Amino acid sequence: MVNFSNFPTIAAPQTIADIAFENTNDQQLMHSLISGTYGFPGSGMNGIILHGKYGAGKSTASMLIPDAMENTNIGMNCPWRHMFRVMSNNNGVGLLTQIDNLCKPLNLNGKYVYIVLDEVDNLSPTAMPQLKSVMDANMDRAVFIMTTNHRSKVDPAVANRSHVFGFNKVPPDAWLPSMQRVLAAYGITNMSNNQLLSAAAAINGSGRQFATCVKQLIDGYYQMFPHLVPPHLQLANHNTAPIAAAQALPVLPVMPSVLQVNTVSTTAPSSSQPTP
C-alpha cells in the first residue's frame, strides 16, 4: 500500500511553473513579470489580479509570486510580504491606511513590498476607490497582488493599474507538467501524455480536483502493480515480504491505454484559505 501522508505537501504547487494558466500568453506574461524583463512594476502598473472560480489556485499563486520576483531581484525569498483576507470586519478605509503605512518601511531589505489582498472584491465602496490612490502613491516600492472570484466587482481604475489573469477555463493540457512532477515523486514515469490528458479532463480547472485526480492515478497504478511500490513509499508496519519477493522478478508493467479517474464534485469552500 502507498503511503500518502506527505501527499498534500508534494501535490501543492512549489513554484510559478506549477501553476496552470488559461493560456500560454498568460503563462508567458507571468514569467516576464517575475523575471524583471517586463519593467514591472512600472509604466503606471504595479498590480496583479488573479480571478476565477473557487479552488482554482489563485490564493496559492498569490503567495508564490513575491518569492519568485524577489529571487530574481535579490536571490532569496521575499522578506516583505503582507497578506490580508478582506472580510466584512476588515474591509474599510482603515485597512487601506494600514497598507499604505506598510509600503513605506525604513529599511527595505528586499526590492519591493508585496501586498496580497485575498478576495479584494470585498473592499467597502469607500475603500475600493482609495486602493488605486494607495497603489499610485507606492508605484516604485510596492506590488499589489489581488485575488477575486468576481472580476466585475473590482474597481476599473484598480484593474487599469494591474495585469489581469483568469483561471476560469484552464485547459487539461495545462496540468500536465504538474501531474508529471507529482507522479514522478511517487515513482511513476511511464504514463503517456494521452493517458494524463484523459485523466486531466476531470480536473475542470480546480486545484482541489487536481490533487484528487493525481492521487487516484497513483493509487490505481499501484493497485495494478503492487510489487512496484518503492520501499520509501510503503506504509509503515505494512507486510512488504510479498512485495519484496515480487520486486525480484523481471516484470515490466504495460500501461492500459486509459486510466479511469472518478470525477469528484467540489463545492465552494467556506473560507478563503490558500489552495493548491
Protein backbone atom coordinates (compact mmCIF):
# COMPACT_ATOMS: atom_id res chain seq x y z
CA MET A 1 0.00 0.00 0.00
CA VAL A 2 1.15 3.52 -0.79
CA ASN A 3 1.95 6.00 1.96
CA PHE A 4 0.11 9.25 1.10
CA SER A 5 0.95 11.05 4.35
CA ASN A 6 3.08 13.66 2.55
CA PHE A 7 0.83 13.93 -0.49
CA PRO A 8 -0.69 17.37 0.28
CA THR A 9 2.78 18.91 0.50
CA ILE A 10 4.05 17.14 -2.62
CA ALA A 11 0.94 17.93 -4.70
CA ALA A 12 0.84 21.63 -3.74
CA PRO A 13 2.39 24.00 -6.32
CA GLN A 14 6.02 24.64 -5.44
CA THR A 15 6.82 27.41 -7.94
CA ILE A 16 5.06 29.55 -10.54
CA ALA A 17 5.94 26.83 -13.07
CA ASP A 18 3.45 24.57 -11.25
CA ILE A 19 0.55 26.98 -11.79
CA ALA A 20 -1.90 26.01 -14.56
CA PHE A 21 -2.81 29.11 -16.59
CA GLU A 22 -5.72 29.56 -19.00
CA ASN A 23 -3.43 30.08 -22.00
CA THR A 24 0.22 30.31 -22.98
CA ASN A 25 0.05 34.11 -23.31
CA ASP A 26 -0.86 34.42 -19.62
CA GLN A 27 1.86 31.97 -18.69
CA GLN A 28 4.48 33.88 -20.69
CA LEU A 29 3.34 37.24 -19.30
CA MET A 30 3.60 35.99 -15.71
CA HIS A 31 7.12 34.72 -16.32
CA SER A 32 8.03 38.11 -17.85
CA LEU A 33 6.68 39.93 -14.79
CA ILE A 34 8.62 37.84 -12.31
CA SER A 35 11.81 37.76 -14.39
CA GLY A 36 12.16 41.54 -14.40
CA THR A 37 12.26 41.75 -18.21
CA TYR A 38 8.85 43.46 -18.42
CA GLY A 39 9.72 46.53 -16.38
CA PHE A 40 7.20 45.63 -13.69
CA PRO A 41 6.26 47.43 -11.55
CA GLY A 42 6.37 50.47 -13.76
CA SER A 43 4.61 52.39 -16.52
CA GLY A 44 1.72 53.09 -14.18
CA MET A 45 1.13 49.42 -13.30
CA ASN A 46 2.01 47.73 -10.02
CA GLY A 47 -0.92 45.35 -9.58
CA ILE A 48 -1.65 41.72 -10.44
CA ILE A 49 -5.25 40.48 -10.38
CA LEU A 50 -5.96 36.74 -10.27
CA HIS A 51 -9.63 35.97 -10.88
CA GLY A 52 -11.61 32.79 -11.33
CA LYS A 53 -13.81 30.22 -9.68
CA TYR A 54 -13.36 28.71 -6.23
CA GLY A 55 -10.48 26.29 -5.80
CA ALA A 56 -8.59 27.31 -8.96
CA GLY A 57 -5.37 28.03 -7.06
CA LYS A 58 -5.50 31.84 -7.09
CA SER A 59 -4.51 32.21 -3.44
CA THR A 60 -1.64 29.76 -3.81
CA ALA A 61 -0.36 31.64 -6.87
CA SER A 62 -0.59 34.94 -5.00
CA MET A 63 1.79 33.63 -2.34
CA LEU A 64 4.28 32.23 -4.86
CA ILE A 65 4.65 35.42 -6.92
CA PRO A 66 6.52 37.50 -4.27
CA ASP A 67 9.12 34.78 -3.72
CA ALA A 68 9.56 34.37 -7.47
CA MET A 69 10.08 38.10 -8.02
CA GLU A 70 12.47 38.55 -5.11
CA ASN A 71 14.52 35.51 -6.06
CA THR A 72 15.05 37.26 -9.39
CA ASN A 73 15.88 40.58 -7.72
CA ILE A 74 17.93 39.64 -4.66
CA GLY A 75 18.43 35.86 -4.88
CA MET A 76 16.26 34.99 -1.89
CA ASN A 77 12.62 34.64 -0.90
CA CYS A 78 10.52 37.70 -0.22
CA PRO A 79 11.29 39.38 3.14
CA TRP A 80 8.43 41.93 2.91
CA ARG A 81 5.07 40.29 2.23
CA HIS A 82 1.79 41.23 3.92
CA MET A 83 -1.30 39.12 3.33
CA PHE A 84 -4.84 40.32 4.08
CA ARG A 85 -8.06 38.35 3.75
CA VAL A 86 -10.58 41.05 3.00
CA MET A 87 -13.73 40.40 5.06
CA SER A 88 -16.66 42.41 6.32
CA ASN A 89 -14.88 43.24 9.59
CA ASN A 90 -11.67 44.31 7.84
CA ASN A 91 -12.54 45.96 4.55
CA GLY A 92 -12.71 49.70 5.13
CA VAL A 93 -10.60 52.82 4.74
CA GLY A 94 -8.66 51.90 7.88
CA LEU A 95 -7.31 48.82 6.12
CA LEU A 96 -6.05 50.97 3.24
CA THR A 97 -4.33 53.35 5.69
CA GLN A 98 -2.61 50.39 7.32
CA ILE A 99 -1.49 49.08 3.92
CA ASP A 100 -0.17 52.50 2.88
CA ASN A 101 1.98 52.61 6.03
CA LEU A 102 3.30 49.10 5.39
CA CYS A 103 4.50 50.18 1.97
CA LYS A 104 6.98 52.64 3.47
CA PRO A 105 9.47 50.63 5.60
CA LEU A 106 12.57 52.49 6.75
CA ASN A 107 14.93 49.64 5.85
CA LEU A 108 13.83 47.66 2.82
CA ASN A 109 15.97 44.51 2.56
CA GLY A 110 14.08 43.26 -0.49
CA LYS A 111 13.47 45.24 -3.65
CA TYR A 112 9.69 45.61 -3.16
CA VAL A 113 6.97 45.36 -0.55
CA TYR A 114 4.25 42.90 -1.56
CA ILE A 115 0.62 43.42 -0.53
CA VAL A 116 -1.60 40.36 -1.05
CA LEU A 117 -5.34 41.10 -0.91
CA ASP A 118 -7.35 37.87 -0.91
CA GLU A 119 -10.94 38.45 -2.11
CA VAL A 120 -10.26 42.10 -2.89
CA ASP A 121 -13.84 42.49 -4.17
CA ASN A 122 -14.96 42.54 -0.52
CA LEU A 123 -13.49 46.02 -0.01
CA SER A 124 -16.13 48.52 1.05
CA PRO A 125 -17.50 51.04 -1.51
CA THR A 126 -15.38 53.77 0.08
CA ALA A 127 -12.21 51.68 0.37
CA MET A 128 -12.19 50.28 -3.16
CA PRO A 129 -11.62 53.68 -4.88
CA GLN A 130 -8.93 54.53 -2.32
CA LEU A 131 -6.99 51.40 -3.28
CA LYS A 132 -5.96 52.97 -6.58
CA SER A 133 -4.60 56.01 -4.71
CA VAL A 134 -2.52 53.79 -2.42
CA MET A 135 -1.22 51.91 -5.49
CA ASP A 136 -0.24 55.19 -7.16
CA ALA A 137 1.47 56.53 -4.03
CA ASN A 138 3.66 53.43 -3.83
CA MET A 139 4.23 52.72 -7.53
CA ASP A 140 8.01 52.35 -7.21
CA ARG A 141 8.15 50.36 -3.99
CA ALA A 142 5.12 48.05 -3.77
CA VAL A 143 3.43 45.29 -5.76
CA PHE A 144 -0.25 44.63 -5.13
CA ILE A 145 -1.44 41.05 -5.75
CA MET A 146 -5.20 40.64 -5.61
CA THR A 147 -7.48 37.60 -5.88
CA THR A 148 -11.20 37.61 -6.57
CA ASN A 149 -14.00 35.29 -7.59
CA HIS A 150 -15.89 38.27 -9.01
CA ARG A 151 -13.81 40.21 -11.54
CA SER A 152 -16.66 42.64 -12.27
CA LYS A 153 -16.65 43.89 -8.65
CA VAL A 154 -13.10 45.23 -8.86
CA ASP A 155 -12.90 48.98 -9.49
CA PRO A 156 -11.96 49.60 -13.17
CA ALA A 157 -9.28 52.07 -12.03
CA VAL A 158 -7.64 49.31 -9.94
CA ALA A 159 -7.85 46.87 -12.85
CA ASN A 160 -6.33 49.51 -15.14
CA ARG A 161 -3.25 49.55 -12.92
CA SER A 162 -2.96 45.76 -12.95
CA HIS A 163 -2.14 42.80 -15.14
CA VAL A 164 -5.18 40.53 -15.07
CA PHE A 165 -5.03 36.71 -15.16
CA GLY A 166 -8.09 34.48 -15.40
CA PHE A 167 -8.43 30.95 -14.04
CA ASN A 168 -11.91 30.09 -15.27
CA LYS A 169 -11.14 27.94 -18.32
CA VAL A 170 -7.85 26.18 -17.67
CA PRO A 171 -7.37 23.52 -20.40
CA PRO A 172 -6.47 19.92 -19.46
CA ASP A 173 -3.00 20.09 -21.03
CA ALA A 174 -2.02 22.98 -18.72
CA TRP A 175 -1.97 20.46 -15.86
CA LEU A 176 0.46 18.01 -17.49
CA PRO A 177 3.75 19.39 -16.06
CA SER A 178 2.39 19.35 -12.51
CA MET A 179 0.87 15.89 -12.97
CA GLN A 180 4.20 14.56 -14.21
CA ARG A 181 6.05 16.19 -11.31
CA VAL A 182 3.83 14.64 -8.64
CA LEU A 183 3.69 11.22 -10.33
CA ALA A 184 7.49 11.18 -10.59
CA ALA A 185 7.70 11.86 -6.85
CA TYR A 186 5.74 8.63 -6.42
CA GLY A 187 7.98 6.66 -8.76
CA ILE A 188 5.69 6.75 -11.81
CA THR A 189 7.28 8.00 -15.03
CA ASN A 190 5.76 5.78 -17.73
CA MET A 191 2.31 7.31 -18.21
CA SER A 192 1.86 8.84 -21.65
CA ASN A 193 0.57 12.36 -22.25
CA ASN A 194 -2.59 10.86 -23.75
CA GLN A 195 -3.26 8.93 -20.55
CA LEU A 196 -2.69 12.03 -18.44
CA LEU A 197 -4.88 14.20 -20.70
CA SER A 198 -7.70 11.70 -20.37
CA ALA A 199 -7.44 11.94 -16.60
CA ALA A 200 -6.96 15.74 -16.60
CA ALA A 201 -10.32 16.20 -18.32
CA ALA A 202 -11.91 15.56 -14.91
CA ILE A 203 -9.99 18.39 -13.22
CA ASN A 204 -12.18 21.15 -14.71
CA GLY A 205 -9.92 23.99 -13.60
CA SER A 206 -9.92 23.06 -9.91
CA GLY A 207 -6.72 22.81 -7.90
CA ARG A 208 -8.53 20.61 -5.40
CA GLN A 209 -9.73 18.30 -8.15
CA PHE A 210 -6.15 18.17 -9.47
CA ALA A 211 -4.99 16.68 -6.18
CA THR A 212 -7.83 14.15 -6.21
CA CYS A 213 -7.13 13.20 -9.81
CA VAL A 214 -3.40 12.58 -9.33
CA LYS A 215 -3.94 10.66 -6.10
CA GLN A 216 -6.37 8.37 -7.91
CA LEU A 217 -3.82 7.83 -10.69
CA ILE A 218 -1.14 6.84 -8.17
CA ASP A 219 -3.47 4.59 -6.21
CA GLY A 220 -4.78 2.92 -9.37
CA TYR A 221 -1.29 2.35 -10.74
CA TYR A 222 -0.03 0.57 -7.64
CA GLN A 223 -3.21 -1.46 -7.31
CA MET A 224 -2.40 -2.87 -10.75
CA PHE A 225 1.34 -3.24 -9.99
CA PRO A 226 1.64 -3.57 -6.17
CA HIS A 227 5.07 -5.25 -6.42
CA LEU A 228 6.47 -1.99 -7.85
CA VAL A 229 5.74 0.24 -4.85
CA PRO A 230 9.10 1.86 -3.94
CA PRO A 231 10.16 0.97 -0.37
CA HIS A 232 10.22 4.62 0.72
CA LEU A 233 6.56 4.98 -0.32
CA GLN A 234 5.26 1.93 1.53
CA LEU A 235 3.11 2.32 4.61
CA ALA A 236 4.93 1.72 7.88
CA ASN A 237 4.23 -1.67 9.51
CA HIS A 238 2.85 -2.95 6.22
CA ASN A 239 3.76 -6.51 5.29
CA THR A 240 6.28 -5.99 2.48
CA ALA A 241 7.54 -9.58 2.15
CA PRO A 242 5.33 -10.39 -0.86
CA ILE A 243 6.29 -7.05 -2.42
CA ALA A 244 9.99 -7.63 -1.86
CA ALA A 245 9.75 -11.10 -3.41
CA ALA A 246 7.86 -9.77 -6.40
CA GLN A 247 10.31 -6.92 -6.91
CA ALA A 248 13.00 -9.50 -7.60
CA LEU A 249 11.06 -10.65 -10.67
CA PRO A 250 11.77 -9.05 -14.06
CA VAL A 251 8.30 -7.57 -14.52
CA LEU A 252 7.76 -4.59 -16.80
CA PRO A 253 4.26 -3.13 -16.49
CA VAL A 254 2.29 -2.41 -19.63
CA MET A 255 0.10 0.60 -19.01
CA PRO A 256 -3.54 0.41 -20.12
CA SER A 257 -4.46 2.86 -22.86
CA VAL A 258 -6.66 4.85 -20.47
CA LEU A 259 -6.75 5.03 -16.69
CA GLN A 260 -10.19 5.73 -15.32
CA VAL A 261 -10.38 8.62 -12.87
CA ASN A 262 -13.57 9.25 -10.99
CA THR A 263 -14.89 12.79 -11.19
CA VAL A 264 -15.41 14.18 -7.72
CA SER A 265 -17.74 17.13 -7.45
CA THR A 266 -16.50 20.07 -5.46
CA THR A 267 -18.37 22.76 -3.61
CA ALA A 268 -17.40 26.30 -2.80
CA PRO A 269 -15.12 26.48 0.26
CA SER A 270 -16.42 28.13 3.38
CA SER A 271 -13.24 30.15 3.83
CA SER A 272 -10.59 31.79 1.69
CA GLN A 273 -7.64 29.62 2.72
CA PRO A 274 -4.91 29.31 0.07
CA THR A 275 -5.43 26.27 -2.10
CA PRO A 276 -3.24 24.38 -4.40
